[in-house]
Amino acid sequence: MEILESLLRYYVQGTRRVDEPTAYALLQQHSDGDSTMQTFIERYIEQGKQQGMELGLARGRQEGRQEGQTVVLLRQIERKFGPPSEAVRLRIAGADAETILQWSDRILTAQSLDGLWH
């Protein structure tokens, strides 16, 4: 029962989808742990799983976009300056998405790899 109360408190305060009087009424009506309350807990857990999956998918898409940007930048470097060294590959692999985007813009006007970085 304490766990259920904690879950409801979190749900009420965290999501604001259920107000406190409604949550209290649910606890009073179903304090014996009947199937209605069990269903509520199962739905709550399933909702958390779904949100976790959505977050994971969004993160995966972001990582995929960054990987694609990295591949394109390395190809542009190779076309403009020749095959990139291992140091260049590591520098790009360690960069965040915003930096890779900046370098991708700079390669259009850079006269050398040094000009790409600065």
PDB file of N, CA and C in Angstrom:
ATOM      1  N   MET A   1       0.828  -1.193   0.000  1.00  0.00           N
ATOM      2  CA  MET A   1       0.000   0.000   0.000  1.00  0.00           C
ATOM      3  C   MET A   1       0.873   1.258   0.000  1.00  0.00           C
ATOM      4  N   GLU A   2       1.984   1.216   0.749  1.00  0.00           N
ATOM      5  CA  GLU A   2       2.876   2.373   0.774  1.00  0.00           C
ATOM      6  C   GLU A   2       3.464   2.650  -0.605  1.00  0.00           C
ATOM      7  N   ILE A   3       3.818   1.571  -1.295  1.00  0.00           N
ATOM      8  CA  ILE A   3       4.366   1.726  -2.650  1.00  0.00           C
ATOM      9  C   ILE A   3       3.322   2.332  -3.564  1.00  0.00           C
ATOM     10  N   LEU A   4       2.091   1.842  -3.464  1.00  0.00           N
ATOM     11  CA  LEU A   4       1.012   2.371  -4.290  1.00  0.00           C
ATOM     12  C   LEU A   4       0.793   3.852  -4.009  1.00  0.00           C
ATOM     13  N   GLU A   5       0.805   4.215  -2.738  1.00  0.00           N
ATOM     14  CA  GLU A   5       0.649   5.624  -2.386  1.00  0.00           C
ATOM     15  C   GLU A   5       1.790   6.465  -2.963  1.00  0.00           C
ATOM     16  N   SER A   6       3.003   5.936  -2.900  1.00  0.00           N
ATOM     17  CA  SER A   6       4.154   6.657  -3.460  1.00  0.00           C
ATOM     18  C   SER A   6       4.011   6.822  -4.958  1.00  0.00           C
ATOM     19  N   LEU A   7       3.577   5.748  -5.622  1.00  0.00           N
ATOM     20  CA  LEU A   7       3.376   5.831  -7.074  1.00  0.00           C
ATOM     21  C   LEU A   7       2.315   6.850  -7.433  1.00  0.00           C
ATOM     22  N   LEU A   8       1.213   6.824  -6.718  1.00  0.00           N
ATOM     23  CA  LEU A   8       0.147   7.792  -6.994  1.00  0.00           C
ATOM     24  C   LEU A   8       0.611   9.220  -6.718  1.00  0.00           C
ATOM     25  N   ARG A   9       1.354   9.400  -5.636  1.00  0.00           N
ATOM     26  CA  ARG A   9       1.865  10.741  -5.313  1.00  0.00           C
ATOM     27  C   ARG A   9       2.770  11.236  -6.439  1.00  0.00           C
ATOM     28  N   TYR A  10       3.658  10.359  -6.894  1.00  0.00           N
ATOM     29  CA  TYR A  10       4.544  10.728  -8.006  1.00  0.00           C
ATOM     30  C   TYR A  10       3.726  11.044  -9.258  1.00  0.00           C
ATOM     31  N   TYR A  11       2.746  10.212  -9.543  1.00  0.00           N
ATOM     32  CA  TYR A  11       1.919  10.413 -10.736  1.00  0.00           C
ATOM     33  C   TYR A  11       1.167  11.735 -10.656  1.00  0.00           C
ATOM     34  N   VAL A  12       0.608  12.035  -9.496  1.00  0.00           N
ATOM     35  CA  VAL A  12      -0.142  13.277  -9.310  1.00  0.00           C
ATOM     36  C   VAL A  12       0.782  14.487  -9.446  1.00  0.00           C
ATOM     37  N   GLN A  13       1.912  14.445  -8.748  1.00  0.00           N
ATOM     38  CA  GLN A  13       2.810  15.601  -8.738  1.00  0.00           C
ATOM     39  C   GLN A  13       3.633  15.710 -10.013  1.00  0.00           C
ATOM     40  N   GLY A  14       4.017  14.589 -10.577  1.00  0.00           N
ATOM     41  CA  GLY A  14       4.896  14.603 -11.745  1.00  0.00           C
ATOM     42  C   GLY A  14       4.189  14.861 -13.056  1.00  0.00           C
ATOM     43  N   THR A  15       2.997  14.295 -13.220  1.00  0.00           N
ATOM     44  CA  THR A  15       2.321  14.414 -14.519  1.00  0.00           C
ATOM     45  C   THR A  15       1.160  15.392 -14.505  1.00  0.00           C
ATOM     46  N   ARG A  16       0.610  15.619 -13.338  1.00  0.00           N
ATOM     47  CA  ARG A  16      -0.543  16.509 -13.176  1.00  0.00           C
ATOM     48  C   ARG A  16      -1.763  16.027 -13.977  1.00  0.00           C
ATOM     49  N   ARG A  17      -1.810  14.732 -14.308  1.00  0.00           N
ATOM     50  CA  ARG A  17      -2.952  14.179 -15.041  1.00  0.00           C
ATOM     51  C   ARG A  17      -4.088  13.791 -14.101  1.00  0.00           C
ATOM     52  N   VAL A  18      -3.739  13.535 -12.858  1.00  0.00           N
ATOM     53  CA  VAL A  18      -4.727  13.182 -11.845  1.00  0.00           C
ATOM     54  C   VAL A  18      -4.528  14.131 -10.679  1.00  0.00           C
ATOM     55  N   ASP A  19      -5.651  14.685 -10.172  1.00  0.00           N
ATOM     56  CA  ASP A  19      -5.494  15.587  -9.033  1.00  0.00           C
ATOM     57  C   ASP A  19      -5.493  14.782  -7.732  1.00  0.00           C
ATOM     58  N   GLU A  20      -5.059  15.409  -6.676  1.00  0.00           N
ATOM     59  CA  GLU A  20      -4.911  14.709  -5.399  1.00  0.00           C
ATOM     60  C   GLU A  20      -6.221  14.152  -4.859  1.00  0.00           C
ATOM     61  N   PRO A  21      -7.332  14.908  -4.915  1.00  0.00           N
ATOM     62  CA  PRO A  21      -8.584  14.329  -4.393  1.00  0.00           C
ATOM     63  C   PRO A  21      -8.990  13.041  -5.132  1.00  0.00           C
ATOM     64  N   THR A  22      -8.777  13.007  -6.441  1.00  0.00           N
ATOM     65  CA  THR A  22      -9.120  11.809  -7.210  1.00  0.00           C
ATOM     66  C   THR A  22      -8.233  10.644  -6.802  1.00  0.00           C
ATOM     67  N   ALA A  23      -6.932  10.902  -6.664  1.00  0.00           N
ATOM     68  CA  ALA A  23      -6.008   9.849  -6.247  1.00  0.00           C
ATOM     69  C   ALA A  23      -6.364   9.345  -4.849  1.00  0.00           C
ATOM     70  N   TYR A  24      -6.716  10.247  -3.952  1.00  0.00           N
ATOM     71  CA  TYR A  24      -7.101   9.860  -2.591  1.00  0.00           C
ATOM     72  C   TYR A  24      -8.365   9.006  -2.622  1.00  0.00           C
ATOM     73  N   ALA A  25      -9.322   9.406  -3.442  1.00  0.00           N
ATOM     74  CA  ALA A  25     -10.566   8.636  -3.558  1.00  0.00           C
ATOM     75  C   ALA A  25     -10.291   7.237  -4.089  1.00  0.00           C
ATOM     76  N   LEU A  26      -9.383   7.131  -5.052  1.00  0.00           N
ATOM     77  CA  LEU A  26      -9.016   5.813  -5.568  1.00  0.00           C
ATOM     78  C   LEU A  26      -8.428   4.936  -4.471  1.00  0.00           C
ATOM     79  N   LEU A  27      -7.556   5.515  -3.679  1.00  0.00           N
ATOM     80  CA  LEU A  27      -6.945   4.746  -2.590  1.00  0.00           C
ATOM     81  C   LEU A  27      -7.992   4.304  -1.566  1.00  0.00           C
ATOM     82  N   GLN A  28      -8.926   5.187  -1.249  1.00  0.00           N
ATOM     83  CA  GLN A  28      -9.947   4.844  -0.263  1.00  0.00           C
ATOM     84  C   GLN A  28     -10.888   3.759  -0.790  1.00  0.00           C
ATOM     85  N   GLN A  29     -11.250   3.849  -2.070  1.00  0.00           N
ATOM     86  CA  GLN A  29     -12.171   2.877  -2.656  1.00  0.00           C
ATOM     87  C   GLN A  29     -11.527   1.515  -2.834  1.00  0.00           C
ATOM     88  N   HIS A  30     -10.247   1.515  -3.135  1.00  0.00           N
ATOM     89  CA  HIS A  30      -9.592   0.279  -3.538  1.00  0.00           C
ATOM     90  C   HIS A  30      -8.388  -0.048  -2.660  1.00  0.00           C
ATOM     91  N   SER A  31      -8.501   0.254  -1.392  1.00  0.00           N
ATOM     92  CA  SER A  31      -7.357   0.033  -0.516  1.00  0.00           C
ATOM     93  C   SER A  31      -7.060  -1.447  -0.291  1.00  0.00           C
ATOM     94  N   ASP A  32      -7.958  -2.326  -0.693  1.00  0.00           N
ATOM     95  CA  ASP A  32      -7.716  -3.750  -0.498  1.00  0.00           C
ATOM     96  C   ASP A  32      -6.867  -4.344  -1.616  1.00  0.00           C
ATOM     97  N   GLY A  33      -6.433  -3.514  -2.583  1.00  0.00           N
ATOM     98  CA  GLY A  33      -5.561  -4.002  -3.659  1.00  0.00           C
ATOM     99  C   GLY A  33      -6.313  -4.811  -4.698  1.00  0.00           C
ATOM    100  N   ASP A  34      -7.576  -4.470  -4.940  1.00  0.00           N
ATOM    101  CA  ASP A  34      -8.353  -5.249  -5.908  1.00  0.00           C
ATOM    102  C   ASP A  34      -7.851  -5.064  -7.335  1.00  0.00           C
ATOM    103  N   SER A  35      -8.497  -5.684  -8.274  1.00  0.00           N
ATOM    104  CA  SER A  35      -8.012  -5.716  -9.655  1.00  0.00           C
ATOM    105  C   SER A  35      -8.007  -4.342 -10.320  1.00  0.00           C
ATOM    106  N   THR A  36      -8.884  -3.440  -9.909  1.00  0.00           N
ATOM    107  CA  THR A  36      -8.888  -2.104 -10.502  1.00  0.00           C
ATOM    108  C   THR A  36      -7.562  -1.400 -10.209  1.00  0.00           C
ATOM    109  N   MET A  37      -7.100  -1.495  -8.970  1.00  0.00           N
ATOM    110  CA  MET A  37      -5.861  -0.854  -8.609  1.00  0.00           C
ATOM    111  C   MET A  37      -4.684  -1.564  -9.262  1.00  0.00           C
ATOM    112  N   GLN A  38      -4.750  -2.872  -9.381  1.00  0.00           N
ATOM    113  CA  GLN A  38      -3.694  -3.620 -10.046  1.00  0.00           C
ATOM    114  C   GLN A  38      -3.587  -3.174 -11.504  1.00  0.00           C
ATOM    115  N   THR A  39      -4.729  -2.967 -12.152  1.00  0.00           N
ATOM    116  CA  THR A  39      -4.733  -2.499 -13.536  1.00  0.00           C
ATOM    117  C   THR A  39      -4.094  -1.116 -13.627  1.00  0.00           C
ATOM    118  N   PHE A  40      -4.385  -0.252 -12.658  1.00  0.00           N
ATOM    119  CA  PHE A  40      -3.788   1.082 -12.640  1.00  0.00           C
ATOM    120  C   PHE A  40      -2.266   0.981 -12.571  1.00  0.00           C
ATOM    121  N   ILE A  41      -1.760   0.120 -11.697  1.00  0.00           N
ATOM    122  CA  ILE A  41      -0.316  -0.054 -11.552  1.00  0.00           C
ATOM    123  C   ILE A  41       0.287  -0.592 -12.840  1.00  0.00           C
ATOM    124  N   GLU A  42      -0.352  -1.573 -13.445  1.00  0.00           N
ATOM    125  CA  GLU A  42       0.147  -2.144 -14.698  1.00  0.00           C
ATOM    126  C   GLU A  42       0.200  -1.081 -15.798  1.00  0.00           C
ATOM    127  N   ARG A  43      -0.839  -0.260 -15.874  1.00  0.00           N
ATOM    128  CA  ARG A  43      -0.838   0.812 -16.887  1.00  0.00           C
ATOM    129  C   ARG A  43       0.265   1.818 -16.608  1.00  0.00           C
ATOM    130  N   TYR A  44       0.479   2.133 -15.341  1.00  0.00           N
ATOM    131  CA  TYR A  44       1.518   3.075 -14.957  1.00  0.00           C
ATOM    132  C   TYR A  44       2.890   2.543 -15.365  1.00  0.00           C
ATOM    133  N   ILE A  45       3.124   1.279 -15.096  1.00  0.00           N
ATOM    134  CA  ILE A  45       4.396   0.655 -15.462  1.00  0.00           C
ATOM    135  C   ILE A  45       4.548   0.622 -16.975  1.00  0.00           C
ATOM    136  N   GLU A  46       3.495   0.257 -17.692  1.00  0.00           N
ATOM    137  CA  GLU A  46       3.550   0.207 -19.159  1.00  0.00           C
ATOM    138  C   GLU A  46       3.827   1.594 -19.743  1.00  0.00           C
ATOM    139  N   GLN A  47       3.216   2.617 -19.157  1.00  0.00           N
ATOM    140  CA  GLN A  47       3.456   3.989 -19.626  1.00  0.00           C
ATOM    141  C   GLN A  47       4.927   4.356 -19.454  1.00  0.00           C
ATOM    142  N   GLY A  48       5.517   3.981 -18.334  1.00  0.00           N
ATOM    143  CA  GLY A  48       6.936   4.245 -18.108  1.00  0.00           C
ATOM    144  C   GLY A  48       7.805   3.524 -19.121  1.00  0.00           C
ATOM    145  N   LYS A  49       7.460   2.271 -19.424  1.00  0.00           N
ATOM    146  CA  LYS A  49       8.214   1.516 -20.427  1.00  0.00           C
ATOM    147  C   LYS A  49       8.119   2.193 -21.791  1.00  0.00           C
ATOM    148  N   GLN A  50       6.906   2.631 -22.154  1.00  0.00           N
ATOM    149  CA  GLN A  50       6.697   3.284 -23.447  1.00  0.00           C
ATOM    150  C   GLN A  50       7.509   4.563 -23.545  1.00  0.00           C
ATOM    151  N   GLN A  51       7.515   5.365 -22.483  1.00  0.00           N
ATOM    152  CA  GLN A  51       8.291   6.603 -22.499  1.00  0.00           C
ATOM    153  C   GLN A  51       9.774   6.300 -22.627  1.00  0.00           C
ATOM    154  N   GLY A  52      10.231   5.251 -21.971  1.00  0.00           N
ATOM    155  CA  GLY A  52      11.630   4.852 -22.078  1.00  0.00           C
ATOM    156  C   GLY A  52      11.985   4.428 -23.495  1.00  0.00           C
ATOM    157  N   MET A  53      11.081   3.680 -24.137  1.00  0.00           N
ATOM    158  CA  MET A  53      11.329   3.257 -25.519  1.00  0.00           C
ATOM    159  C   MET A  53      11.374   4.458 -26.450  1.00  0.00           C
ATOM    160  N   GLU A  54      10.445   5.399 -26.265  1.00  0.00           N
ATOM    161  CA  GLU A  54      10.429   6.591 -27.113  1.00  0.00           C
ATOM    162  C   GLU A  54      11.708   7.400 -26.941  1.00  0.00           C
ATOM    163  N   LEU A  55      12.171   7.523 -25.710  1.00  0.00           N
ATOM    164  CA  LEU A  55      13.413   8.243 -25.447  1.00  0.00           C
ATOM    165  C   LEU A  55      14.585   7.537 -26.112  1.00  0.00           C
ATOM    166  N   GLY A  56      14.609   6.220 -26.012  1.00  0.00           N
ATOM    167  CA  GLY A  56      15.666   5.432 -26.637  1.00  0.00           C
ATOM    168  C   GLY A  56      15.661   5.574 -28.154  1.00  0.00           C
ATOM    169  N   LEU A  57      14.467   5.570 -28.759  1.00  0.00           N
ATOM    170  CA  LEU A  57      14.372   5.740 -30.208  1.00  0.00           C
ATOM    171  C   LEU A  57      14.845   7.124 -30.634  1.00  0.00           C
ATOM    172  N   ALA A  58      14.448   8.145 -29.877  1.00  0.00           N
ATOM    173  CA  ALA A  58      14.880   9.508 -30.205  1.00  0.00           C
ATOM    174  C   ALA A  58      16.392   9.627 -30.104  1.00  0.00           C
ATOM    175  N   ARG A  59      16.954   9.033 -29.060  1.00  0.00           N
ATOM    176  CA  ARG A  59      18.407   9.070 -28.882  1.00  0.00           C
ATOM    177  C   ARG A  59      19.090   8.323 -30.029  1.00  0.00           C
ATOM    178  N   GLY A  60      18.527   7.190 -30.424  1.00  0.00           N
ATOM    179  CA  GLY A  60      19.087   6.415 -31.528  1.00  0.00           C
ATOM    180  C   GLY A  60      19.050   7.186 -32.841  1.00  0.00           C
ATOM    181  N   ARG A  61      17.943   7.883 -33.083  1.00  0.00           N
ATOM    182  CA  ARG A  61      17.844   8.692 -34.305  1.00  0.00           C
ATOM    183  C   ARG A  61      18.874   9.813 -34.295  1.00  0.00           C
ATOM    184  N   GLN A  62      19.058  10.450 -33.148  1.00  0.00           N
ATOM    185  CA  GLN A  62      20.037  11.532 -33.030  1.00  0.00           C
ATOM    186  C   GLN A  62      21.445  11.000 -33.286  1.00  0.00           C
ATOM    187  N   GLU A  63      21.761   9.864 -32.696  1.00  0.00           N
ATOM    188  CA  GLU A  63      23.084   9.279 -32.905  1.00  0.00           C
ATOM    189  C   GLU A  63      23.277   8.886 -34.366  1.00  0.00           C
ATOM    190  N   GLY A  64      22.218   8.385 -34.998  1.00  0.00           N
ATOM    191  CA  GLY A  64      22.290   8.024 -36.411  1.00  0.00           C
ATOM    192  C   GLY A  64      22.534   9.236 -37.294  1.00  0.00           C
ATOM    193  N   ARG A  65      21.854  10.340 -36.993  1.00  0.00           N
ATOM    194  CA  ARG A  65      22.073  11.578 -37.760  1.00  0.00           C
ATOM    195  C   ARG A  65      23.507  12.062 -37.602  1.00  0.00           C
ATOM    196  N   GLN A  66      24.015  12.028 -36.377  1.00  0.00           N
ATOM    197  CA  GLN A  66      25.383  12.482 -36.140  1.00  0.00           C
ATOM    198  C   GLN A  66      26.367  11.578 -36.872  1.00  0.00           C
ATOM    199  N   GLU A  67      26.128  10.293 -36.857  1.00  0.00           N
ATOM    200  CA  GLU A  67      27.014   9.373 -37.569  1.00  0.00           C
ATOM    201  C   GLU A  67      26.988   9.673 -39.065  1.00  0.00           C
ATOM    202  N   GLY A  68      25.805   9.961 -39.596  1.00  0.00           N
ATOM    203  CA  GLY A  68      25.688  10.318 -41.011  1.00  0.00           C
ATOM    204  C   GLY A  68      26.432  11.607 -41.333  1.00  0.00           C
ATOM    205  N   GLN A  69      26.322  12.596 -40.447  1.00  0.00           N
ATOM    206  CA  GLN A  69      27.036  13.857 -40.650  1.00  0.00           C
ATOM    207  C   GLN A  69      28.541  13.625 -40.629  1.00  0.00           C
ATOM    208  N   THR A  70      28.998  12.742 -39.761  1.00  0.00           N
ATOM    209  CA  THR A  70      30.419  12.421 -39.671  1.00  0.00           C
ATOM    210  C   THR A  70      30.909  11.795 -40.967  1.00  0.00           C
ATOM    211  N   VAL A  71      30.142  10.853 -41.493  1.00  0.00           N
ATOM    212  CA  VAL A  71      30.520  10.190 -42.742  1.00  0.00           C
ATOM    213  C   VAL A  71      30.603  11.197 -43.882  1.00  0.00           C
ATOM    214  N   VAL A  72      29.624  12.090 -43.960  1.00  0.00           N
ATOM    215  CA  VAL A  72      29.616  13.099 -45.024  1.00  0.00           C
ATOM    216  C   VAL A  72      30.813  14.029 -44.886  1.00  0.00           C
ATOM    217  N   LEU A  73      31.099  14.485 -43.674  1.00  0.00           N
ATOM    218  CA  LEU A  73      32.235  15.383 -43.472  1.00  0.00           C
ATOM    219  C   LEU A  73      33.544  14.699 -43.854  1.00  0.00           C
ATOM    220  N   LEU A  74      33.738  13.458 -43.448  1.00  0.00           N
ATOM    221  CA  LEU A  74      34.955  12.739 -43.820  1.00  0.00           C
ATOM    222  C   LEU A  74      35.071  12.594 -45.332  1.00  0.00           C
ATOM    223  N   ARG A  75      33.964  12.361 -45.984  1.00  0.00           N
ATOM    224  CA  ARG A  75      33.980  12.253 -47.459  1.00  0.00           C
ATOM    225  C   ARG A  75      34.341  13.593 -48.095  1.00  0.00           C
ATOM    226  N   GLN A  76      33.779  14.663 -47.566  1.00  0.00           N
ATOM    227  CA  GLN A  76      34.106  15.996 -48.088  1.00  0.00           C
ATOM    228  C   GLN A  76      35.594  16.302 -47.892  1.00  0.00           C
ATOM    229  N   ILE A  77      36.128  15.961 -46.726  1.00  0.00           N
ATOM    230  CA  ILE A  77      37.557  16.178 -46.461  1.00  0.00           C
ATOM    231  C   ILE A  77      38.392  15.399 -47.463  1.00  0.00           C
ATOM    232  N   GLU A  78      38.012  14.150 -47.682  1.00  0.00           N
ATOM    233  CA  GLU A  78      38.772  13.326 -48.622  1.00  0.00           C
ATOM    234  C   GLU A  78      38.727  13.907 -50.032  1.00  0.00           C
ATOM    235  N   ARG A  79      37.578  14.365 -50.450  1.00  0.00           N
ATOM    236  CA  ARG A  79      37.456  14.952 -51.795  1.00  0.00           C
ATOM    237  C   ARG A  79      38.258  16.241 -51.938  1.00  0.00           C
ATOM    238  N   LYS A  80      38.291  17.035 -50.872  1.00  0.00           N
ATOM    239  CA  LYS A  80      38.933  18.342 -50.962  1.00  0.00           C
ATOM    240  C   LYS A  80      40.420  18.308 -50.621  1.00  0.00           C
ATOM    241  N   PHE A  81      40.800  17.528 -49.602  1.00  0.00           N
ATOM    242  CA  PHE A  81      42.181  17.562 -49.119  1.00  0.00           C
ATOM    243  C   PHE A  81      42.906  16.216 -49.208  1.00  0.00           C
ATOM    244  N   GLY A  82      42.233  15.193 -49.664  1.00  0.00           N
ATOM    245  CA  GLY A  82      42.830  13.860 -49.706  1.00  0.00           C
ATOM    246  C   GLY A  82      42.386  13.036 -48.506  1.00  0.00           C
ATOM    247  N   PRO A  83      42.791  11.787 -48.464  1.00  0.00           N
ATOM    248  CA  PRO A  83      42.347  10.899 -47.375  1.00  0.00           C
ATOM    249  C   PRO A  83      42.701  11.467 -45.999  1.00  0.00           C
ATOM    250  N   PRO A  84      41.741  11.488 -45.095  1.00  0.00           N
ATOM    251  CA  PRO A  84      42.007  12.022 -43.754  1.00  0.00           C
ATOM    252  C   PRO A  84      42.875  11.057 -42.947  1.00  0.00           C
ATOM    253  N   SER A  85      43.737  11.618 -42.146  1.00  0.00           N
ATOM    254  CA  SER A  85      44.599  10.811 -41.274  1.00  0.00           C
ATOM    255  C   SER A  85      43.759  10.223 -40.135  1.00  0.00           C
ATOM    256  N   GLU A  86      44.364   9.314 -39.422  1.00  0.00           N
ATOM    257  CA  GLU A  86      43.681   8.715 -38.263  1.00  0.00           C
ATOM    258  C   GLU A  86      43.396   9.791 -37.213  1.00  0.00           C
ATOM    259  N   ALA A  87      44.308  10.742 -37.051  1.00  0.00           N
ATOM    260  CA  ALA A  87      44.095  11.829 -36.083  1.00  0.00           C
ATOM    261  C   ALA A  87      42.869  12.664 -36.464  1.00  0.00           C
ATOM    262  N   VAL A  88      42.705  12.930 -37.756  1.00  0.00           N
ATOM    263  CA  VAL A  88      41.546  13.695 -38.226  1.00  0.00           C
ATOM    264  C   VAL A  88      40.271  12.892 -37.974  1.00  0.00           C
ATOM    265  N   ARG A  89      40.305  11.605 -38.277  1.00  0.00           N
ATOM    266  CA  ARG A  89      39.138  10.745 -38.055  1.00  0.00           C
ATOM    267  C   ARG A  89      38.753  10.720 -36.579  1.00  0.00           C
ATOM    268  N   LEU A  90      39.739  10.613 -35.708  1.00  0.00           N
ATOM    269  CA  LEU A  90      39.467  10.582 -34.273  1.00  0.00           C
ATOM    270  C   LEU A  90      38.916  11.916 -33.777  1.00  0.00           C
ATOM    271  N   ARG A  91      39.451  13.000 -34.306  1.00  0.00           N
ATOM    272  CA  ARG A  91      38.971  14.327 -33.907  1.00  0.00           C
ATOM    273  C   ARG A  91      37.503  14.496 -34.275  1.00  0.00           C
ATOM    274  N   ILE A  92      37.151  14.065 -35.472  1.00  0.00           N
ATOM    275  CA  ILE A  92      35.760  14.181 -35.921  1.00  0.00           C
ATOM    276  C   ILE A  92      34.860  13.235 -35.131  1.00  0.00           C
ATOM    277  N   ALA A  93      35.338  12.015 -34.896  1.00  0.00           N
ATOM    278  CA  ALA A  93      34.544  11.038 -34.144  1.00  0.00           C
ATOM    279  C   ALA A  93      34.270  11.508 -32.720  1.00  0.00           C
ATOM    280  N   GLY A  94      35.165  12.299 -32.153  1.00  0.00           N
ATOM    281  CA  GLY A  94      34.999  12.779 -30.789  1.00  0.00           C
ATOM    282  C   GLY A  94      34.219  14.077 -30.663  1.00  0.00           C
ATOM    283  N   ALA A  95      33.842  14.650 -31.812  1.00  0.00           N
ATOM    284  CA  ALA A  95      33.150  15.944 -31.791  1.00  0.00           C
ATOM    285  C   ALA A  95      31.646  15.763 -31.577  1.00  0.00           C
ATOM    286  N   ASP A  96      31.022  16.804 -31.020  1.00  0.00           N
ATOM    287  CA  ASP A  96      29.568  16.771 -30.869  1.00  0.00           C
ATOM    288  C   ASP A  96      28.896  17.201 -32.178  1.00  0.00           C
ATOM    289  N   ALA A  97      27.593  17.039 -32.246  1.00  0.00           N
ATOM    290  CA  ALA A  97      26.835  17.292 -33.477  1.00  0.00           C
ATOM    291  C   ALA A  97      26.967  18.741 -33.952  1.00  0.00           C
ATOM    292  N   GLU A  98      26.945  19.682 -33.024  1.00  0.00           N
ATOM    293  CA  GLU A  98      27.040  21.102 -33.399  1.00  0.00           C
ATOM    294  C   GLU A  98      28.392  21.418 -34.020  1.00  0.00           C
ATOM    295  N   THR A  99      29.455  20.872 -33.469  1.00  0.00           N
ATOM    296  CA  THR A  99      30.794  21.101 -34.009  1.00  0.00           C
ATOM    297  C   THR A  99      30.931  20.500 -35.398  1.00  0.00           C
ATOM    298  N   ILE A 100      30.424  19.299 -35.578  1.00  0.00           N
ATOM    299  CA  ILE A 100      30.469  18.658 -36.902  1.00  0.00           C
ATOM    300  C   ILE A 100      29.722  19.507 -37.918  1.00  0.00           C
ATOM    301  N   LEU A 101      28.595  20.057 -37.515  1.00  0.00           N
ATOM    302  CA  LEU A 101      27.825  20.930 -38.412  1.00  0.00           C
ATOM    303  C   LEU A 101      28.625  22.185 -38.773  1.00  0.00           C
ATOM    304  N   GLN A 102      29.307  22.774 -37.802  1.00  0.00           N
ATOM    305  CA  GLN A 102      30.140  23.949 -38.075  1.00  0.00           C
ATOM    306  C   GLN A 102      31.262  23.598 -39.049  1.00  0.00           C
ATOM    307  N   TRP A 103      31.921  22.470 -38.828  1.00  0.00           N
ATOM    308  CA  TRP A 103      32.999  22.057 -39.734  1.00  0.00           C
ATOM    309  C   TRP A 103      32.463  21.783 -41.139  1.00  0.00           C
ATOM    310  N   SER A 104      31.260  21.232 -41.211  1.00  0.00           N
ATOM    311  CA  SER A 104      30.654  20.963 -42.517  1.00  0.00           C
ATOM    312  C   SER A 104      30.388  22.258 -43.281  1.00  0.00           C
ATOM    313  N   ASP A 105      30.067  23.319 -42.569  1.00  0.00           N
ATOM    314  CA  ASP A 105      29.897  24.629 -43.209  1.00  0.00           C
ATOM    315  C   ASP A 105      31.251  25.210 -43.624  1.00  0.00           C
ATOM    316  N   ARG A 106      32.236  25.084 -42.742  1.00  0.00           N
ATOM    317  CA  ARG A 106      33.553  25.675 -43.008  1.00  0.00           C
ATOM    318  C   ARG A 106      34.288  25.006 -44.162  1.00  0.00           C
ATOM    319  N   ILE A 107      34.003  23.741 -44.416  1.00  0.00           N
ATOM    320  CA  ILE A 107      34.754  23.053 -45.468  1.00  0.00           C
ATOM    321  C   ILE A 107      34.506  23.690 -46.836  1.00  0.00           C
ATOM    322  N   LEU A 108      33.402  24.385 -46.961  1.00  0.00           N
ATOM    323  CA  LEU A 108      33.092  25.032 -48.235  1.00  0.00           C
ATOM    324  C   LEU A 108      34.088  26.136 -48.581  1.00  0.00           C
ATOM    325  N   THR A 109      34.647  26.773 -47.572  1.00  0.00           N
ATOM    326  CA  THR A 109      35.576  27.886 -47.824  1.00  0.00           C
ATOM    327  C   THR A 109      36.994  27.633 -47.325  1.00  0.00           C
ATOM    328  N   ALA A 110      37.189  26.547 -46.577  1.00  0.00           N
ATOM    329  CA  ALA A 110      38.517  26.266 -45.997  1.00  0.00           C
ATOM    330  C   ALA A 110      39.538  25.981 -47.093  1.00  0.00           C
ATOM    331  N   GLN A 111      40.726  26.533 -46.921  1.00  0.00           N
ATOM    332  CA  GLN A 111      41.819  26.300 -47.874  1.00  0.00           C
ATOM    333  C   GLN A 111      42.707  25.143 -47.416  1.00  0.00           C
ATOM    334  N   SER A 112      42.552  24.741 -46.149  1.00  0.00           N
ATOM    335  CA  SER A 112      43.341  23.644 -45.593  1.00  0.00           C
ATOM    336  C   SER A 112      42.555  23.036 -44.439  1.00  0.00           C
ATOM    337  N   LEU A 113      43.046  21.903 -43.937  1.00  0.00           N
ATOM    338  CA  LEU A 113      42.404  21.303 -42.770  1.00  0.00           C
ATOM    339  C   LEU A 113      42.484  22.231 -41.570  1.00  0.00           C
ATOM    340  N   ASP A 114      43.576  22.956 -41.443  1.00  0.00           N
ATOM    341  CA  ASP A 114      43.697  23.897 -40.333  1.00  0.00           C
ATOM    342  C   ASP A 114      42.587  24.935 -40.399  1.00  0.00           C
ATOM    343  N   GLY A 115      42.238  25.377 -41.603  1.00  0.00           N
ATOM    344  CA  GLY A 115      41.164  26.336 -41.774  1.00  0.00           C
ATOM    345  C   GLY A 115      39.800  25.757 -41.424  1.00  0.00           C
ATOM    346  N   LEU A 116      39.679  24.448 -41.513  1.00  0.00           N
ATOM    347  CA  LEU A 116      38.434  23.779 -41.158  1.00  0.00           C
ATOM    348  C   LEU A 116      38.189  23.838 -39.648  1.00  0.00           C
ATOM    349  N   TRP A 117      39.248  23.662 -38.882  1.00  0.00           N
ATOM    350  CA  TRP A 117      39.111  23.593 -37.423  1.00  0.00           C
ATOM    351  C   TRP A 117      38.903  24.963 -36.795  1.00  0.00           C
ATOM    352  N   HIS A 118      39.409  26.030 -37.436  1.00  0.00           N
ATOM    353  CA  HIS A 118      39.381  27.360 -36.794  1.00  0.00           C
ATOM    354  C   HIS A 118      38.514  28.328 -37.550  1.00  0.00           C
TER     355      HIS A 118
END
